[in-house]
Amino acid sequence: MGWYRQAPGKQRELVAVVTVGDGTNYADSVKGRFSISRDNAKNTVY
């Protein structure tokens, strides 16, 4: 589960993703500022 974003006039880009094993990946522009998490039981991502 993850988050993408799209600003006006720009392509949609990956922001952050959390995998089934709770591994995470972040865009360089948001590292250190954004944090992604997942509640597997609720199928919810934050």
All heavy atoms as atom14 arrays in JSON, in Angstrom:
{
  "sequence": "MGWYRQAPGKQRELVAVVTVGDGTNYADSVKGRFSISRDNAKNTVY",
  "atom14_mask": [
    [1, 1, 1, 1, 1, 1, 1, 1, 0, 0, 0, 0, 0, 0],
    [1, 1, 1, 1, 0, 0, 0, 0, 0, 0, 0, 0, 0, 0],
    [1, 1, 1, 1, 1, 1, 1, 1, 1, 1, 1, 1, 1, 1],
    [1, 1, 1, 1, 1, 1, 1, 1, 1, 1, 1, 1, 0, 0],
    [1, 1, 1, 1, 1, 1, 1, 1, 1, 1, 1, 0, 0, 0],
    [1, 1, 1, 1, 1, 1, 1, 1, 1, 0, 0, 0, 0, 0],
    [1, 1, 1, 1, 1, 0, 0, 0, 0, 0, 0, 0, 0, 0],
    [1, 1, 1, 1, 1, 1, 1, 0, 0, 0, 0, 0, 0, 0],
    [1, 1, 1, 1, 0, 0, 0, 0, 0, 0, 0, 0, 0, 0],
    [1, 1, 1, 1, 1, 1, 1, 1, 1, 0, 0, 0, 0, 0],
    [1, 1, 1, 1, 1, 1, 1, 1, 1, 0, 0, 0, 0, 0],
    [1, 1, 1, 1, 1, 1, 1, 1, 1, 1, 1, 0, 0, 0],
    [1, 1, 1, 1, 1, 1, 1, 1, 1, 0, 0, 0, 0, 0],
    [1, 1, 1, 1, 1, 1, 1, 1, 0, 0, 0, 0, 0, 0],
    [1, 1, 1, 1, 1, 1, 1, 0, 0, 0, 0, 0, 0, 0],
    [1, 1, 1, 1, 1, 0, 0, 0, 0, 0, 0, 0, 0, 0],
    [1, 1, 1, 1, 1, 1, 1, 0, 0, 0, 0, 0, 0, 0],
    [1, 1, 1, 1, 1, 1, 1, 0, 0, 0, 0, 0, 0, 0],
    [1, 1, 1, 1, 1, 1, 1, 0, 0, 0, 0, 0, 0, 0],
    [1, 1, 1, 1, 1, 1, 1, 0, 0, 0, 0, 0, 0, 0],
    [1, 1, 1, 1, 0, 0, 0, 0, 0, 0, 0, 0, 0, 0],
    [1, 1, 1, 1, 1, 1, 1, 1, 0, 0, 0, 0, 0, 0],
    [1, 1, 1, 1, 0, 0, 0, 0, 0, 0, 0, 0, 0, 0],
    [1, 1, 1, 1, 1, 1, 1, 0, 0, 0, 0, 0, 0, 0],
    [1, 1, 1, 1, 1, 1, 1, 1, 0, 0, 0, 0, 0, 0],
    [1, 1, 1, 1, 1, 1, 1, 1, 1, 1, 1, 1, 0, 0],
    [1, 1, 1, 1, 1, 0, 0, 0, 0, 0, 0, 0, 0, 0],
    [1, 1, 1, 1, 1, 1, 1, 1, 0, 0, 0, 0, 0, 0],
    [1, 1, 1, 1, 1, 1, 0, 0, 0, 0, 0, 0, 0, 0],
    [1, 1, 1, 1, 1, 1, 1, 0, 0, 0, 0, 0, 0, 0],
    [1, 1, 1, 1, 1, 1, 1, 1, 1, 0, 0, 0, 0, 0],
    [1, 1, 1, 1, 0, 0, 0, 0, 0, 0, 0, 0, 0, 0],
    [1, 1, 1, 1, 1, 1, 1, 1, 1, 1, 1, 0, 0, 0],
    [1, 1, 1, 1, 1, 1, 1, 1, 1, 1, 1, 0, 0, 0],
    [1, 1, 1, 1, 1, 1, 0, 0, 0, 0, 0, 0, 0, 0],
    [1, 1, 1, 1, 1, 1, 1, 1, 0, 0, 0, 0, 0, 0],
    [1, 1, 1, 1, 1, 1, 0, 0, 0, 0, 0, 0, 0, 0],
    [1, 1, 1, 1, 1, 1, 1, 1, 1, 1, 1, 0, 0, 0],
    [1, 1, 1, 1, 1, 1, 1, 1, 0, 0, 0, 0, 0, 0],
    [1, 1, 1, 1, 1, 1, 1, 1, 0, 0, 0, 0, 0, 0],
    [1, 1, 1, 1, 1, 0, 0, 0, 0, 0, 0, 0, 0, 0],
    [1, 1, 1, 1, 1, 1, 1, 1, 1, 0, 0, 0, 0, 0],
    [1, 1, 1, 1, 1, 1, 1, 1, 0, 0, 0, 0, 0, 0],
    [1, 1, 1, 1, 1, 1, 1, 0, 0, 0, 0, 0, 0, 0],
    [1, 1, 1, 1, 1, 1, 1, 0, 0, 0, 0, 0, 0, 0],
    [1, 1, 1, 1, 1, 1, 1, 1, 1, 1, 1, 1, 0, 0]
  ],
  "atom14_positions": [
    [[0.86, -1.17, 0.0], [0.0, 0.0, 0.0], [0.9, 1.23, 0.0], [1.95, 1.23, 0.65], [-0.93, 0.04, 1.22], [-1.81, -1.19, 1.35], [-2.99, -1.09, 2.73], [-4.18, 0.09, 2.07], [0.0, 0.0, 0.0], [0.0, 0.0, 0.0], [0.0, 0.0, 0.0], [0.0, 0.0, 0.0], [0.0, 0.0, 0.0], [0.0, 0.0, 0.0]],
    [[0.48, 2.23, -0.72], [1.33, 3.4, -0.8], [0.59, 4.66, -1.19], [-0.64, 4.67, -1.33], [0.0, 0.0, 0.0], [0.0, 0.0, 0.0], [0.0, 0.0, 0.0], [0.0, 0.0, 0.0], [0.0, 0.0, 0.0], [0.0, 0.0, 0.0], [0.0, 0.0, 0.0], [0.0, 0.0, 0.0], [0.0, 0.0, 0.0], [0.0, 0.0, 0.0]],
    [[1.38, 5.71, -1.33], [0.86, 7.02, -1.68], [1.63, 7.57, -2.86], [2.87, 7.5, -2.91], [0.98, 7.98, -0.5], [0.09, 7.62, 0.64], [0.41, 6.85, 1.72], [-1.27, 8.02, 0.82], [-0.67, 6.73, 2.56], [-1.71, 7.45, 2.04], [-2.15, 8.81, 0.08], [-3.0, 7.64, 2.52], [-3.43, 8.99, 0.56], [-3.84, 8.42, 1.77]],
    [[0.9, 8.11, -3.81], [1.43, 8.86, -4.92], [0.88, 10.27, -4.85], [-0.1, 10.53, -4.16], [1.05, 8.21, -6.26], [1.74, 6.9, -6.55], [1.41, 5.75, -5.84], [2.7, 6.8, -7.56], [2.03, 4.54, -6.1], [3.32, 5.59, -7.83], [2.98, 4.46, -7.11], [3.6, 3.26, -7.38], [0.0, 0.0, 0.0], [0.0, 0.0, 0.0]],
    [[1.51, 11.18, -5.56], [0.99, 12.53, -5.61], [1.17, 13.11, -7.0], [2.06, 12.69, -7.75], [1.67, 13.44, -4.58], [3.14, 13.72, -4.83], [3.73, 14.5, -3.66], [5.13, 14.82, -3.88], [5.91, 15.37, -2.96], [5.42, 15.66, -1.76], [7.19, 15.65, -3.24], [0.0, 0.0, 0.0], [0.0, 0.0, 0.0], [0.0, 0.0, 0.0]],
    [[0.33, 14.06, -7.33], [0.39, 14.71, -8.62], [0.09, 16.19, -8.45], [-0.99, 16.56, -7.99], [-0.6, 14.08, -9.6], [-0.48, 14.59, -11.02], [-1.25, 13.75, -12.02], [-2.19, 13.06, -11.65], [-0.84, 13.8, -13.26], [0.0, 0.0, 0.0], [0.0, 0.0, 0.0], [0.0, 0.0, 0.0], [0.0, 0.0, 0.0], [0.0, 0.0, 0.0]],
    [[1.06, 17.01, -8.79], [0.9, 18.45, -8.78], [0.45, 18.91, -10.16], [0.68, 18.22, -11.16], [2.21, 19.12, -8.38], [0.0, 0.0, 0.0], [0.0, 0.0, 0.0], [0.0, 0.0, 0.0], [0.0, 0.0, 0.0], [0.0, 0.0, 0.0], [0.0, 0.0, 0.0], [0.0, 0.0, 0.0], [0.0, 0.0, 0.0], [0.0, 0.0, 0.0]],
    [[-0.17, 20.08, -10.24], [-0.61, 20.58, -11.55], [0.53, 20.64, -12.56], [1.61, 21.15, -12.27], [-1.15, 21.97, -11.23], [-1.57, 21.89, -9.8], [-0.56, 20.98, -9.15], [0.0, 0.0, 0.0], [0.0, 0.0, 0.0], [0.0, 0.0, 0.0], [0.0, 0.0, 0.0], [0.0, 0.0, 0.0], [0.0, 0.0, 0.0], [0.0, 0.0, 0.0]],
    [[0.29, 20.1, -13.74], [1.28, 20.12, -14.8], [2.41, 19.14, -14.65], [3.36, 19.18, -15.44], [0.0, 0.0, 0.0], [0.0, 0.0, 0.0], [0.0, 0.0, 0.0], [0.0, 0.0, 0.0], [0.0, 0.0, 0.0], [0.0, 0.0, 0.0], [0.0, 0.0, 0.0], [0.0, 0.0, 0.0], [0.0, 0.0, 0.0], [0.0, 0.0, 0.0]],
    [[2.35, 18.25, -13.66], [3.42, 17.3, -13.42], [2.88, 15.88, -13.46], [1.68, 15.64, -13.32], [4.09, 17.57, -12.07], [4.74, 18.93, -11.95], [5.38, 19.13, -10.59], [6.53, 18.18, -10.36], [7.21, 18.42, -9.06], [0.0, 0.0, 0.0], [0.0, 0.0, 0.0], [0.0, 0.0, 0.0], [0.0, 0.0, 0.0], [0.0, 0.0, 0.0]],
    [[3.8, 14.93, -13.66], [3.43, 13.52, -13.66], [3.16, 13.04, -12.24], [3.72, 13.57, -11.27], [4.55, 12.68, -14.28], [4.81, 12.95, -15.75], [3.74, 12.33, -16.63], [3.0, 11.45, -16.21], [3.67, 12.8, -17.86], [0.0, 0.0, 0.0], [0.0, 0.0, 0.0], [0.0, 0.0, 0.0], [0.0, 0.0, 0.0], [0.0, 0.0, 0.0]],
    [[2.31, 12.04, -12.14], [2.1, 11.41, -10.85], [3.38, 10.7, -10.41], [4.02, 10.0, -11.2], [0.94, 10.42, -10.93], [0.51, 9.85, -9.6], [-0.74, 9.0, -9.73], [-1.87, 9.77, -10.24], [-3.11, 9.29, -10.36], [-3.38, 8.05, -9.99], [-4.07, 10.06, -10.84], [0.0, 0.0, 0.0], [0.0, 0.0, 0.0], [0.0, 0.0, 0.0]],
    [[3.77, 10.88, -9.15], [5.01, 10.32, -8.67], [4.79, 9.57, -7.37], [3.9, 9.9, -6.57], [6.05, 11.43, -8.45], [5.67, 12.44, -7.39], [6.74, 13.5, -7.15], [7.86, 13.34, -7.67], [6.45, 14.48, -6.44], [0.0, 0.0, 0.0], [0.0, 0.0, 0.0], [0.0, 0.0, 0.0], [0.0, 0.0, 0.0], [0.0, 0.0, 0.0]],
    [[5.63, 8.58, -7.16], [5.6, 7.81, -5.92], [6.1, 8.67, -4.77], [7.14, 9.32, -4.87], [6.47, 6.56, -6.05], [6.64, 5.73, -4.78], [5.32, 5.07, -4.39], [7.72, 4.67, -4.98], [0.0, 0.0, 0.0], [0.0, 0.0, 0.0], [0.0, 0.0, 0.0], [0.0, 0.0, 0.0], [0.0, 0.0, 0.0], [0.0, 0.0, 0.0]],
    [[5.37, 8.64, -3.67], [5.78, 9.32, -2.45], [6.35, 8.32, -1.45], [7.46, 8.49, -0.95], [4.6, 10.09, -1.81], [5.03, 10.74, -0.5], [4.07, 11.13, -2.78], [0.0, 0.0, 0.0], [0.0, 0.0, 0.0], [0.0, 0.0, 0.0], [0.0, 0.0, 0.0], [0.0, 0.0, 0.0], [0.0, 0.0, 0.0], [0.0, 0.0, 0.0]],
    [[5.58, 7.28, -1.15], [6.01, 6.29, -0.17], [5.2, 5.02, -0.36], [4.04, 5.07, -0.76], [5.86, 6.81, 1.26], [0.0, 0.0, 0.0], [0.0, 0.0, 0.0], [0.0, 0.0, 0.0], [0.0, 0.0, 0.0], [0.0, 0.0, 0.0], [0.0, 0.0, 0.0], [0.0, 0.0, 0.0], [0.0, 0.0, 0.0], [0.0, 0.0, 0.0]],
    [[5.82, 3.89, -0.05], [5.17, 2.58, -0.14], [5.57, 1.76, 1.07], [6.73, 1.8, 1.5], [5.56, 1.84, -1.43], [5.06, 0.4, -1.41], [5.0, 2.56, -2.65], [0.0, 0.0, 0.0], [0.0, 0.0, 0.0], [0.0, 0.0, 0.0], [0.0, 0.0, 0.0], [0.0, 0.0, 0.0], [0.0, 0.0, 0.0], [0.0, 0.0, 0.0]],
    [[4.63, 0.99, 1.6], [4.91, 0.0, 2.63], [4.49, -1.35, 2.08], [3.39, -1.51, 1.54], [4.22, 0.34, 3.97], [2.7, 0.43, 3.81], [4.59, -0.69, 5.03], [0.0, 0.0, 0.0], [0.0, 0.0, 0.0], [0.0, 0.0, 0.0], [0.0, 0.0, 0.0], [0.0, 0.0, 0.0], [0.0, 0.0, 0.0], [0.0, 0.0, 0.0]],
    [[5.37, -2.36, 2.22], [5.13, -3.68, 1.66], [4.52, -4.61, 2.7], [4.33, -4.24, 3.86], [6.44, -4.28, 1.14], [7.35, -4.49, 2.23], [7.09, -3.36, 0.12], [0.0, 0.0, 0.0], [0.0, 0.0, 0.0], [0.0, 0.0, 0.0], [0.0, 0.0, 0.0], [0.0, 0.0, 0.0], [0.0, 0.0, 0.0], [0.0, 0.0, 0.0]],
    [[4.22, -5.83, 2.26], [3.56, -6.8, 3.13], [4.4, -7.1, 4.37], [3.85, -7.39, 5.43], [3.25, -8.09, 2.36], [4.54, -8.78, 1.91], [2.4, -9.03, 3.19], [0.0, 0.0, 0.0], [0.0, 0.0, 0.0], [0.0, 0.0, 0.0], [0.0, 0.0, 0.0], [0.0, 0.0, 0.0], [0.0, 0.0, 0.0], [0.0, 0.0, 0.0]],
    [[5.71, -7.03, 4.25], [6.59, -7.26, 5.38], [6.93, -6.0, 6.15], [7.86, -6.01, 6.96], [0.0, 0.0, 0.0], [0.0, 0.0, 0.0], [0.0, 0.0, 0.0], [0.0, 0.0, 0.0], [0.0, 0.0, 0.0], [0.0, 0.0, 0.0], [0.0, 0.0, 0.0], [0.0, 0.0, 0.0], [0.0, 0.0, 0.0], [0.0, 0.0, 0.0]],
    [[6.22, -4.93, 5.89], [6.39, -3.63, 6.55], [7.7, -2.95, 6.16], [8.16, -2.05, 6.86], [6.3, -3.77, 8.07], [4.9, -4.03, 8.55], [3.94, -3.66, 7.84], [4.74, -4.62, 9.63], [0.0, 0.0, 0.0], [0.0, 0.0, 0.0], [0.0, 0.0, 0.0], [0.0, 0.0, 0.0], [0.0, 0.0, 0.0], [0.0, 0.0, 0.0]],
    [[8.28, -3.37, 5.05], [9.37, -2.6, 4.5], [8.84, -1.33, 3.85], [7.71, -1.3, 3.37], [0.0, 0.0, 0.0], [0.0, 0.0, 0.0], [0.0, 0.0, 0.0], [0.0, 0.0, 0.0], [0.0, 0.0, 0.0], [0.0, 0.0, 0.0], [0.0, 0.0, 0.0], [0.0, 0.0, 0.0], [0.0, 0.0, 0.0], [0.0, 0.0, 0.0]],
    [[9.64, -0.3, 3.84], [9.19, 0.99, 3.33], [10.17, 1.55, 2.31], [11.37, 1.27, 2.36], [9.01, 2.01, 4.46], [10.24, 2.16, 5.18], [7.92, 1.56, 5.42], [0.0, 0.0, 0.0], [0.0, 0.0, 0.0], [0.0, 0.0, 0.0], [0.0, 0.0, 0.0], [0.0, 0.0, 0.0], [0.0, 0.0, 0.0], [0.0, 0.0, 0.0]],
    [[9.63, 2.34, 1.4], [10.42, 3.08, 0.44], [9.85, 4.47, 0.31], [8.63, 4.65, 0.31], [10.43, 2.39, -0.93], [11.17, 1.07, -0.93], [12.38, 1.03, -0.72], [10.44, -0.01, -1.16], [0.0, 0.0, 0.0], [0.0, 0.0, 0.0], [0.0, 0.0, 0.0], [0.0, 0.0, 0.0], [0.0, 0.0, 0.0], [0.0, 0.0, 0.0]],
    [[10.74, 5.45, 0.19], [10.32, 6.85, 0.12], [10.99, 7.55, -1.04], [12.13, 7.24, -1.41], [10.7, 7.59, 1.4], [10.02, 7.09, 2.65], [10.61, 6.11, 3.43], [8.8, 7.61, 3.04], [9.99, 5.65, 4.58], [8.18, 7.16, 4.19], [8.77, 6.17, 4.95], [8.15, 5.73, 6.1], [0.0, 0.0, 0.0], [0.0, 0.0, 0.0]],
    [[10.29, 8.51, -1.59], [10.92, 9.42, -2.52], [11.98, 10.23, -1.8], [11.83, 10.57, -0.63], [9.88, 10.35, -3.14], [0.0, 0.0, 0.0], [0.0, 0.0, 0.0], [0.0, 0.0, 0.0], [0.0, 0.0, 0.0], [0.0, 0.0, 0.0], [0.0, 0.0, 0.0], [0.0, 0.0, 0.0], [0.0, 0.0, 0.0], [0.0, 0.0, 0.0]],
    [[13.07, 10.53, -2.51], [14.16, 11.27, -1.88], [13.67, 12.61, -1.32], [14.17, 13.08, -0.29], [15.28, 11.51, -2.89], [16.06, 10.25, -3.21], [15.98, 9.29, -2.43], [16.75, 10.24, -4.24], [0.0, 0.0, 0.0], [0.0, 0.0, 0.0], [0.0, 0.0, 0.0], [0.0, 0.0, 0.0], [0.0, 0.0, 0.0], [0.0, 0.0, 0.0]],
    [[12.71, 13.22, -1.97], [12.26, 14.53, -1.57], [11.51, 14.55, -0.24], [11.34, 15.61, 0.35], [11.36, 15.13, -2.66], [10.23, 14.31, -2.89], [0.0, 0.0, 0.0], [0.0, 0.0, 0.0], [0.0, 0.0, 0.0], [0.0, 0.0, 0.0], [0.0, 0.0, 0.0], [0.0, 0.0, 0.0], [0.0, 0.0, 0.0], [0.0, 0.0, 0.0]],
    [[11.07, 13.38, 0.23], [10.29, 13.33, 1.46], [10.98, 12.54, 2.56], [10.46, 12.49, 3.69], [8.88, 12.75, 1.22], [8.17, 13.51, 0.11], [8.95, 11.27, 0.91], [0.0, 0.0, 0.0], [0.0, 0.0, 0.0], [0.0, 0.0, 0.0], [0.0, 0.0, 0.0], [0.0, 0.0, 0.0], [0.0, 0.0, 0.0], [0.0, 0.0, 0.0]],
    [[12.12, 11.95, 2.29], [12.83, 11.18, 3.31], [13.16, 12.06, 4.51], [13.63, 13.18, 4.37], [14.11, 10.59, 2.73], [13.88, 9.41, 1.8], [15.2, 8.85, 1.29], [14.97, 7.65, 0.39], [16.24, 7.12, -0.16], [0.0, 0.0, 0.0], [0.0, 0.0, 0.0], [0.0, 0.0, 0.0], [0.0, 0.0, 0.0], [0.0, 0.0, 0.0]],
    [[12.91, 11.51, 5.69], [13.16, 12.24, 6.91], [12.01, 13.12, 7.34], [12.01, 13.6, 8.48], [0.0, 0.0, 0.0], [0.0, 0.0, 0.0], [0.0, 0.0, 0.0], [0.0, 0.0, 0.0], [0.0, 0.0, 0.0], [0.0, 0.0, 0.0], [0.0, 0.0, 0.0], [0.0, 0.0, 0.0], [0.0, 0.0, 0.0], [0.0, 0.0, 0.0]],
    [[11.05, 13.35, 6.46], [9.91, 14.2, 6.79], [8.6, 13.43, 6.82], [7.73, 13.73, 7.64], [9.79, 15.35, 5.78], [11.0, 16.26, 5.74], [10.74, 17.48, 4.87], [10.47, 17.12, 3.48], [9.33, 17.36, 2.83], [8.33, 17.98, 3.46], [9.17, 17.01, 1.57], [0.0, 0.0, 0.0], [0.0, 0.0, 0.0], [0.0, 0.0, 0.0]],
    [[8.45, 12.46, 5.93], [7.22, 11.67, 5.84], [7.47, 10.29, 6.4], [8.58, 9.75, 6.3], [6.76, 11.54, 4.39], [6.25, 12.8, 3.76], [6.4, 14.03, 4.36], [5.61, 12.74, 2.53], [5.93, 15.19, 3.76], [5.13, 13.88, 1.92], [5.3, 15.11, 2.54], [0.0, 0.0, 0.0], [0.0, 0.0, 0.0], [0.0, 0.0, 0.0]],
    [[6.44, 9.69, 6.95], [6.51, 8.34, 7.46], [5.24, 7.58, 7.08], [4.13, 8.04, 7.37], [6.68, 8.34, 8.98], [6.73, 7.03, 9.5], [0.0, 0.0, 0.0], [0.0, 0.0, 0.0], [0.0, 0.0, 0.0], [0.0, 0.0, 0.0], [0.0, 0.0, 0.0], [0.0, 0.0, 0.0], [0.0, 0.0, 0.0], [0.0, 0.0, 0.0]],
    [[5.42, 6.43, 6.43], [4.29, 5.61, 6.03], [4.17, 4.42, 6.97], [5.18, 3.86, 7.41], [4.42, 5.14, 4.56], [3.12, 4.49, 4.08], [5.61, 4.21, 4.38], [3.09, 4.23, 2.57], [0.0, 0.0, 0.0], [0.0, 0.0, 0.0], [0.0, 0.0, 0.0], [0.0, 0.0, 0.0], [0.0, 0.0, 0.0], [0.0, 0.0, 0.0]],
    [[2.95, 4.04, 7.28], [2.71, 2.89, 8.13], [1.44, 2.18, 7.66], [0.63, 2.75, 6.93], [2.6, 3.28, 9.6], [1.53, 4.19, 9.81], [0.0, 0.0, 0.0], [0.0, 0.0, 0.0], [0.0, 0.0, 0.0], [0.0, 0.0, 0.0], [0.0, 0.0, 0.0], [0.0, 0.0, 0.0], [0.0, 0.0, 0.0], [0.0, 0.0, 0.0]],
    [[1.29, 0.95, 8.1], [0.18, 0.12, 7.62], [-0.4, -0.68, 8.76], [0.34, -1.24, 9.57], [0.69, -0.81, 6.51], [-0.32, -1.83, 6.0], [0.33, -2.72, 4.95], [-0.55, -3.8, 4.52], [-0.21, -4.74, 3.66], [1.01, -4.74, 3.13], [-1.07, -5.68, 3.32], [0.0, 0.0, 0.0], [0.0, 0.0, 0.0], [0.0, 0.0, 0.0]],
    [[-1.72, -0.74, 8.82], [-2.43, -1.6, 9.75], [-3.0, -2.73, 8.91], [-4.02, -2.58, 8.25], [-3.54, -0.84, 10.47], [-4.21, -1.66, 11.55], [-4.27, -2.89, 11.43], [-4.69, -1.05, 12.53], [0.0, 0.0, 0.0], [0.0, 0.0, 0.0], [0.0, 0.0, 0.0], [0.0, 0.0, 0.0], [0.0, 0.0, 0.0], [0.0, 0.0, 0.0]],
    [[-2.33, -3.88, 8.93], [-2.72, -4.99, 8.06], [-4.12, -5.51, 8.39], [-4.87, -5.88, 7.49], [-1.71, -6.13, 8.18], [-0.35, -5.77, 7.62], [-0.24, -4.94, 6.72], [0.69, -6.39, 8.15], [0.0, 0.0, 0.0], [0.0, 0.0, 0.0], [0.0, 0.0, 0.0], [0.0, 0.0, 0.0], [0.0, 0.0, 0.0], [0.0, 0.0, 0.0]],
    [[-4.46, -5.56, 9.66], [-5.77, -6.08, 10.05], [-6.9, -5.21, 9.52], [-7.99, -5.71, 9.23], [-5.85, -6.2, 11.57], [0.0, 0.0, 0.0], [0.0, 0.0, 0.0], [0.0, 0.0, 0.0], [0.0, 0.0, 0.0], [0.0, 0.0, 0.0], [0.0, 0.0, 0.0], [0.0, 0.0, 0.0], [0.0, 0.0, 0.0], [0.0, 0.0, 0.0]],
    [[-6.65, -3.93, 9.4], [-7.67, -3.0, 8.93], [-7.53, -2.62, 7.47], [-8.33, -1.84, 6.96], [-7.65, -1.73, 9.78], [-7.97, -1.96, 11.25], [-7.94, -0.65, 12.03], [-8.28, -0.87, 13.49], [-8.24, 0.41, 14.26], [0.0, 0.0, 0.0], [0.0, 0.0, 0.0], [0.0, 0.0, 0.0], [0.0, 0.0, 0.0], [0.0, 0.0, 0.0]],
    [[-6.5, -3.17, 6.81], [-6.22, -2.81, 5.41], [-6.18, -1.29, 5.25], [-6.77, -0.73, 4.32], [-7.25, -3.43, 4.47], [-7.05, -4.92, 4.29], [-5.96, -5.45, 4.51], [-8.09, -5.62, 3.87], [0.0, 0.0, 0.0], [0.0, 0.0, 0.0], [0.0, 0.0, 0.0], [0.0, 0.0, 0.0], [0.0, 0.0, 0.0], [0.0, 0.0, 0.0]],
    [[-5.47, -0.66, 6.14], [-5.38, 0.79, 6.16], [-3.92, 1.22, 6.11], [-3.07, 0.62, 6.78], [-6.06, 1.37, 7.41], [-7.44, 1.0, 7.41], [-5.95, 2.88, 7.44], [0.0, 0.0, 0.0], [0.0, 0.0, 0.0], [0.0, 0.0, 0.0], [0.0, 0.0, 0.0], [0.0, 0.0, 0.0], [0.0, 0.0, 0.0], [0.0, 0.0, 0.0]],
    [[-3.65, 2.24, 5.34], [-2.31, 2.81, 5.24], [-2.38, 4.27, 5.65], [-3.37, 4.96, 5.38], [-1.72, 2.64, 3.82], [-2.53, 3.42, 2.79], [-0.26, 3.05, 3.8], [0.0, 0.0, 0.0], [0.0, 0.0, 0.0], [0.0, 0.0, 0.0], [0.0, 0.0, 0.0], [0.0, 0.0, 0.0], [0.0, 0.0, 0.0], [0.0, 0.0, 0.0]],
    [[-1.33, 4.73, 6.32], [-1.25, 6.1, 6.79], [0.0, 6.76, 6.23], [1.01, 6.11, 5.96], [-1.19, 6.14, 8.32], [-2.3, 5.38, 9.0], [-2.12, 4.05, 9.37], [-3.52, 5.99, 9.28], [-3.14, 3.35, 10.0], [-4.53, 5.3, 9.91], [-4.34, 3.98, 10.26], [-5.35, 3.29, 10.89], [0.0, 0.0, 0.0], [0.0, 0.0, 0.0]]
  ]
}
